[in-house]
Amino acid sequence: QVQLVESGGGLVQPGGSLRLSCEASGSISSRNTMGWYRQAPGKQRDLVATITSVGNTNYADSVKGRFTISRDNAKNTVYLQMNSLKPEDTAVYYCKYRWIITGTEWWGQGTQVTVSS
């Protein structure tokens, strides 16, 4: 089992910035992918960004150039730096941890991000 603890959500004005963190603990594998997904009310959960254990990244088109995903393998933590936030970025943001070899996945509890003036 892998446990994920997210932090960093909140209320921010349009154009502002937030940084999300997600720390993994438990059955950590050296070969994994961590990522962020988001779900707005009434919508499906969508990919925001992912990063592999060797640092390969993938972003949704809607956040390219504004969001940056990074990780600290020593701390088993993934970060999402969100800049130039827009009202349409408002959602619950979920962290996901995936073992590459087995494909097993775990999700965090989610953290609310609200972009509003």
Protein backbone atom coordinates (compact mmCIF):
# COMPACT_ATOMS: atom_id res chain seq x y z
CA GLN A 1 0.00 0.00 0.00
CA VAL A 2 1.01 3.56 -0.68
CA GLN A 3 -0.35 6.51 1.26
CA LEU A 4 -0.47 9.96 -0.29
CA VAL A 5 -0.80 13.23 1.60
CA GLU A 6 -1.54 16.36 -0.41
CA SER A 7 -1.21 19.96 0.67
CA GLY A 8 -1.08 23.47 -0.73
CA GLY A 9 -4.54 24.09 -2.09
CA GLY A 10 -6.56 27.19 -1.37
CA LEU A 11 -8.17 30.32 -2.73
CA VAL A 12 -6.21 32.54 -5.10
CA GLN A 13 -7.05 35.44 -7.40
CA PRO A 14 -6.79 35.09 -11.18
CA GLY A 15 -3.19 35.51 -12.25
CA GLY A 16 -1.92 34.25 -8.93
CA SER A 17 0.18 31.23 -8.02
CA LEU A 18 -0.09 28.17 -5.81
CA ARG A 19 2.20 25.23 -5.12
CA LEU A 20 0.79 21.80 -4.40
CA SER A 21 2.75 19.05 -2.67
CA CYS A 22 2.10 15.33 -2.41
CA GLU A 23 4.17 13.07 -0.19
CA ALA A 24 4.10 9.31 -0.69
CA SER A 25 4.83 6.76 2.00
CA GLY A 26 4.53 3.02 2.45
CA SER A 27 5.43 0.54 -0.30
CA ILE A 28 7.50 2.91 -2.39
CA SER A 29 9.01 1.56 -5.61
CA SER A 30 12.02 3.08 -7.31
CA ARG A 31 10.18 2.76 -10.63
CA ASN A 32 7.07 4.84 -10.42
CA THR A 33 5.13 7.67 -11.94
CA MET A 34 3.52 10.40 -9.91
CA GLY A 35 1.08 12.91 -11.19
CA TRP A 36 -1.67 15.41 -10.66
CA TYR A 37 -5.21 15.18 -11.92
CA ARG A 38 -8.13 17.50 -11.37
CA GLN A 39 -11.88 17.28 -11.26
CA ALA A 40 -14.22 20.22 -11.52
CA PRO A 41 -17.85 19.92 -10.35
CA GLY A 42 -19.91 17.88 -12.79
CA LYS A 43 -16.89 16.96 -14.90
CA GLN A 44 -14.62 13.95 -15.24
CA ARG A 45 -11.22 13.71 -13.63
CA ASP A 46 -8.57 14.87 -16.10
CA LEU A 47 -4.81 14.69 -16.33
CA VAL A 48 -2.88 17.81 -15.35
CA ALA A 49 0.72 16.58 -15.36
CA THR A 50 2.80 13.49 -14.65
CA ILE A 51 6.45 12.85 -13.92
CA THR A 52 8.36 9.58 -13.90
CA SER A 53 10.99 8.57 -11.35
CA VAL A 54 13.68 9.61 -13.86
CA GLY A 55 12.09 12.99 -14.49
CA ASN A 56 10.19 12.59 -17.73
CA THR A 57 7.18 14.90 -17.72
CA ASN A 58 3.86 15.14 -19.50
CA TYR A 59 1.37 18.03 -19.37
CA ALA A 60 -2.17 18.69 -20.42
CA ASP A 61 -2.29 21.27 -23.20
CA SER A 62 -4.39 23.57 -21.03
CA VAL A 63 -1.61 24.01 -18.46
CA LYS A 64 1.53 23.97 -20.62
CA GLY A 65 3.64 27.03 -19.97
CA ARG A 66 1.82 27.83 -16.73
CA PHE A 67 2.25 24.74 -14.52
CA THR A 68 5.45 22.91 -13.67
CA ILE A 69 5.63 19.45 -12.13
CA SER A 70 8.73 18.38 -10.24
CA ARG A 71 9.73 15.79 -7.69
CA ASP A 72 12.18 15.09 -4.89
CA ASN A 73 12.87 11.36 -4.92
CA ALA A 74 14.68 11.51 -1.59
CA LYS A 75 11.48 12.83 0.00
CA ASN A 76 9.09 10.77 -2.17
CA THR A 77 7.33 14.03 -2.91
CA VAL A 78 5.89 15.52 -6.08
CA TYR A 79 5.14 19.21 -6.52
CA LEU A 80 2.93 21.19 -8.86
CA GLN A 81 3.83 24.84 -9.27
CA MET A 82 0.83 26.63 -10.73
CA ASN A 83 1.31 30.13 -12.14
CA SER A 84 -0.99 32.48 -14.04
CA LEU A 85 -3.99 30.72 -12.58
CA LYS A 86 -7.35 31.10 -14.29
CA PRO A 87 -10.89 30.60 -12.99
CA GLU A 88 -11.14 27.50 -15.17
CA ASP A 89 -8.33 25.93 -13.13
CA THR A 90 -10.75 25.70 -10.21
CA ALA A 91 -11.10 22.05 -9.23
CA VAL A 92 -10.18 19.43 -6.70
CA TYR A 93 -6.63 18.37 -7.45
CA TYR A 94 -5.69 14.74 -6.85
CA CYS A 95 -2.26 13.18 -6.58
CA LYS A 96 -1.70 9.74 -8.11
CA TYR A 97 1.12 7.27 -7.55
CA ARG A 98 1.63 4.39 -9.97
CA TRP A 99 3.96 1.40 -9.82
CA ILE A 100 5.35 1.12 -13.34
CA ILE A 101 5.90 -2.66 -13.32
CA THR A 102 2.47 -3.76 -12.07
CA GLY A 103 0.39 -0.74 -13.02
CA THR A 104 -1.07 -0.54 -9.51
CA GLU A 105 -2.28 2.95 -8.65
CA TRP A 106 -3.11 4.90 -5.52
CA TRP A 107 -4.88 8.25 -5.17
CA GLY A 108 -4.66 11.00 -2.61
CA GLN A 109 -7.69 12.49 -0.91
CA GLY A 110 -7.65 15.64 -3.04
CA THR A 111 -7.05 19.30 -2.32
CA GLN A 112 -9.33 22.13 -3.40
CA VAL A 113 -7.98 24.90 -5.63
CA THR A 114 -10.28 27.86 -6.20
CA VAL A 115 -9.36 30.70 -8.53
CA SER A 116 -11.68 33.63 -8.03
CA SER A 117 -11.65 37.36 -7.51
